[in-house]
Amino acid sequence: MRWFIALIVILLAFFYFLPEPEPKPVEETFIGEQVKVLRKAENYEEEYLQAIKERQQQMEEELEKQTGG
């Protein structure tokens, strides 16, 4: 019974000091394709928001011109 407890202690110490493996990049996992699509959507969203800001600024400038401001 002592050898069993000693074995457990040795195994616990071994696993405690064992280095953890480096995590894989998300692109290399099973959800890699979904992540790529999400990143493309984020870029599209940024472009869309920028276009909205430009259009809003253009409309404000046109409004100022029409009101004489």
N, C-alpha and C. Protein backbone atom coordinates (compact mmCIF):
# COMPACT_ATOMS: atom_id res chain seq x y z
N MET A 1 0.84 -1.20 0.00
CA MET A 1 0.00 0.00 0.00
C MET A 1 0.88 1.25 0.00
N ARG A 2 2.03 1.19 0.67
CA ARG A 2 2.92 2.35 0.69
C ARG A 2 3.45 2.64 -0.72
N TRP A 3 3.75 1.58 -1.45
CA TRP A 3 4.28 1.80 -2.79
C TRP A 3 3.25 2.46 -3.69
N PHE A 4 1.97 2.16 -3.47
CA PHE A 4 0.90 2.76 -4.25
C PHE A 4 0.78 4.26 -3.96
N ILE A 5 0.86 4.63 -2.72
CA ILE A 5 0.80 6.05 -2.33
C ILE A 5 2.03 6.78 -2.87
N ALA A 6 3.20 6.13 -2.77
CA ALA A 6 4.43 6.74 -3.29
C ALA A 6 4.31 6.92 -4.81
N LEU A 7 3.75 5.93 -5.49
CA LEU A 7 3.56 6.04 -6.93
C LEU A 7 2.63 7.20 -7.28
N ILE A 8 1.56 7.35 -6.55
CA ILE A 8 0.63 8.46 -6.78
C ILE A 8 1.31 9.80 -6.57
N VAL A 9 2.10 9.90 -5.51
CA VAL A 9 2.81 11.16 -5.22
C VAL A 9 3.81 11.46 -6.34
N ILE A 10 4.54 10.46 -6.79
CA ILE A 10 5.51 10.66 -7.87
C ILE A 10 4.80 11.08 -9.16
N LEU A 11 3.70 10.42 -9.48
CA LEU A 11 2.96 10.78 -10.68
C LEU A 11 2.37 12.19 -10.59
N LEU A 12 1.87 12.55 -9.44
CA LEU A 12 1.34 13.91 -9.26
C LEU A 12 2.44 14.94 -9.42
N ALA A 13 3.61 14.68 -8.84
CA ALA A 13 4.74 15.60 -8.98
C ALA A 13 5.18 15.69 -10.43
N PHE A 14 5.20 14.56 -11.12
CA PHE A 14 5.59 14.53 -12.53
C PHE A 14 4.64 15.38 -13.38
N PHE A 15 3.34 15.18 -13.19
CA PHE A 15 2.36 15.93 -13.97
C PHE A 15 2.31 17.41 -13.57
N TYR A 16 2.66 17.71 -12.34
CA TYR A 16 2.66 19.10 -11.90
C TYR A 16 3.77 19.88 -12.60
N PHE A 17 4.94 19.27 -12.74
CA PHE A 17 6.08 19.96 -13.34
C PHE A 17 6.18 19.76 -14.85
N LEU A 18 5.30 18.98 -15.42
CA LEU A 18 5.29 18.76 -16.85
C LEU A 18 4.84 20.05 -17.55
N PRO A 19 5.59 20.56 -18.55
CA PRO A 19 5.17 21.81 -19.20
C PRO A 19 3.89 21.62 -20.01
N GLU A 20 3.09 22.67 -20.03
CA GLU A 20 1.84 22.61 -20.79
C GLU A 20 2.15 22.82 -22.27
N PRO A 21 1.47 22.12 -23.14
CA PRO A 21 1.70 22.31 -24.58
C PRO A 21 1.19 23.68 -25.02
N GLU A 22 1.83 24.22 -26.03
CA GLU A 22 1.41 25.51 -26.57
C GLU A 22 0.06 25.35 -27.26
N PRO A 23 -0.83 26.30 -27.07
CA PRO A 23 -2.13 26.19 -27.75
C PRO A 23 -1.97 26.43 -29.25
N LYS A 24 -2.80 25.76 -30.02
CA LYS A 24 -2.79 25.93 -31.47
C LYS A 24 -3.44 27.26 -31.82
N PRO A 25 -3.00 27.88 -32.90
CA PRO A 25 -3.72 29.06 -33.37
C PRO A 25 -5.15 28.66 -33.75
N VAL A 26 -6.04 29.57 -33.59
CA VAL A 26 -7.46 29.28 -33.84
C VAL A 26 -7.67 28.84 -35.29
N GLU A 27 -6.89 29.41 -36.20
CA GLU A 27 -7.07 29.08 -37.61
C GLU A 27 -6.77 27.61 -37.90
N GLU A 28 -6.01 26.96 -37.03
CA GLU A 28 -5.65 25.56 -37.26
C GLU A 28 -6.56 24.58 -36.53
N THR A 29 -7.58 25.06 -35.85
CA THR A 29 -8.50 24.19 -35.14
C THR A 29 -9.71 23.88 -36.02
N PHE A 30 -10.64 23.16 -35.46
CA PHE A 30 -11.82 22.74 -36.23
C PHE A 30 -12.75 23.90 -36.57
N ILE A 31 -12.59 25.05 -35.93
CA ILE A 31 -13.44 26.20 -36.24
C ILE A 31 -12.69 27.25 -37.06
N GLY A 32 -11.60 26.84 -37.69
CA GLY A 32 -10.76 27.77 -38.44
C GLY A 32 -11.51 28.49 -39.55
N GLU A 33 -12.33 27.76 -40.29
CA GLU A 33 -13.08 28.38 -41.38
C GLU A 33 -14.06 29.43 -40.88
N GLN A 34 -14.73 29.13 -39.78
CA GLN A 34 -15.69 30.09 -39.22
C GLN A 34 -14.98 31.35 -38.73
N VAL A 35 -13.78 31.19 -38.18
CA VAL A 35 -13.02 32.35 -37.72
C VAL A 35 -12.61 33.22 -38.90
N LYS A 36 -12.20 32.59 -40.00
CA LYS A 36 -11.83 33.36 -41.19
C LYS A 36 -13.02 34.16 -41.71
N VAL A 37 -14.18 33.53 -41.73
CA VAL A 37 -15.39 34.22 -42.19
C VAL A 37 -15.72 35.38 -41.26
N LEU A 38 -15.57 35.16 -39.97
CA LEU A 38 -15.85 36.22 -38.99
C LEU A 38 -14.90 37.39 -39.18
N ARG A 39 -13.64 37.12 -39.42
CA ARG A 39 -12.67 38.21 -39.63
C ARG A 39 -12.99 38.99 -40.90
N LYS A 40 -13.43 38.29 -41.95
CA LYS A 40 -13.84 38.99 -43.17
C LYS A 40 -15.04 39.88 -42.89
N ALA A 41 -15.97 39.37 -42.09
CA ALA A 41 -17.17 40.15 -41.75
C ALA A 41 -16.79 41.38 -40.94
N GLU A 42 -15.81 41.25 -40.06
CA GLU A 42 -15.36 42.41 -39.28
C GLU A 42 -14.80 43.48 -40.20
N ASN A 43 -14.00 43.08 -41.20
CA ASN A 43 -13.47 44.05 -42.15
C ASN A 43 -14.59 44.71 -42.94
N TYR A 44 -15.57 43.92 -43.36
CA TYR A 44 -16.70 44.47 -44.09
C TYR A 44 -17.46 45.47 -43.22
N GLU A 45 -17.63 45.14 -41.94
CA GLU A 45 -18.35 46.03 -41.04
C GLU A 45 -17.60 47.36 -40.89
N GLU A 46 -16.28 47.30 -40.76
CA GLU A 46 -15.50 48.54 -40.64
C GLU A 46 -15.64 49.40 -41.90
N GLU A 47 -15.58 48.76 -43.07
CA GLU A 47 -15.74 49.50 -44.32
C GLU A 47 -17.13 50.12 -44.41
N TYR A 48 -18.14 49.37 -43.99
CA TYR A 48 -19.52 49.85 -44.04
C TYR A 48 -19.71 51.05 -43.10
N LEU A 49 -19.17 50.95 -41.89
CA LEU A 49 -19.30 52.06 -40.94
C LEU A 49 -18.56 53.30 -41.43
N GLN A 50 -17.41 53.10 -42.06
CA GLN A 50 -16.67 54.22 -42.61
C GLN A 50 -17.46 54.88 -43.74
N ALA A 51 -18.08 54.08 -44.57
CA ALA A 51 -18.89 54.63 -45.67
C ALA A 51 -20.08 55.41 -45.12
N ILE A 52 -20.69 54.91 -44.06
CA ILE A 52 -21.82 55.62 -43.45
C ILE A 52 -21.36 56.96 -42.90
N LYS A 53 -20.21 56.99 -42.24
CA LYS A 53 -19.69 58.25 -41.70
C LYS A 53 -19.40 59.25 -42.81
N GLU A 54 -18.81 58.77 -43.91
CA GLU A 54 -18.52 59.66 -45.03
C GLU A 54 -19.80 60.20 -45.64
N ARG A 55 -20.80 59.34 -45.79
CA ARG A 55 -22.08 59.78 -46.35
C ARG A 55 -22.76 60.78 -45.43
N GLN A 56 -22.69 60.54 -44.14
CA GLN A 56 -23.31 61.46 -43.19
C GLN A 56 -22.62 62.82 -43.25
N GLN A 57 -21.29 62.81 -43.34
CA GLN A 57 -20.56 64.06 -43.42
C GLN A 57 -20.91 64.80 -44.72
N GLN A 58 -21.03 64.05 -45.80
CA GLN A 58 -21.40 64.66 -47.08
C GLN A 58 -22.79 65.28 -47.00
N MET A 59 -23.72 64.59 -46.38
CA MET A 59 -25.07 65.12 -46.24
C MET A 59 -25.09 66.38 -45.38
N GLU A 60 -24.30 66.39 -44.31
CA GLU A 60 -24.24 67.58 -43.47
C GLU A 60 -23.67 68.77 -44.23
N GLU A 61 -22.64 68.52 -45.06
CA GLU A 61 -22.08 69.61 -45.85
C GLU A 61 -23.09 70.14 -46.86
N GLU A 62 -23.83 69.24 -47.50
CA GLU A 62 -24.86 69.66 -48.44
C GLU A 62 -25.96 70.47 -47.73
N LEU A 63 -26.32 70.05 -46.54
CA LEU A 63 -27.34 70.75 -45.76
C LEU A 63 -26.85 72.17 -45.41
N GLU A 64 -25.58 72.29 -45.05
CA GLU A 64 -25.04 73.61 -44.72
C GLU A 64 -25.05 74.52 -45.95
N LYS A 65 -24.72 73.96 -47.12
CA LYS A 65 -24.72 74.74 -48.34
C LYS A 65 -26.13 75.22 -48.70
N GLN A 66 -27.10 74.33 -48.50
CA GLN A 66 -28.48 74.68 -48.84
C GLN A 66 -29.07 75.70 -47.89
N THR A 67 -28.69 75.66 -46.62
CA THR A 67 -29.24 76.60 -45.66
C THR A 67 -28.45 77.90 -45.62
N GLY A 68 -27.31 77.93 -46.32
CA GLY A 68 -26.53 79.18 -46.37
C GLY A 68 -25.61 79.34 -45.19
N GLY A 69 -25.31 78.25 -44.46
CA GLY A 69 -24.48 78.34 -43.26
C GLY A 69 -23.09 78.15 -43.57
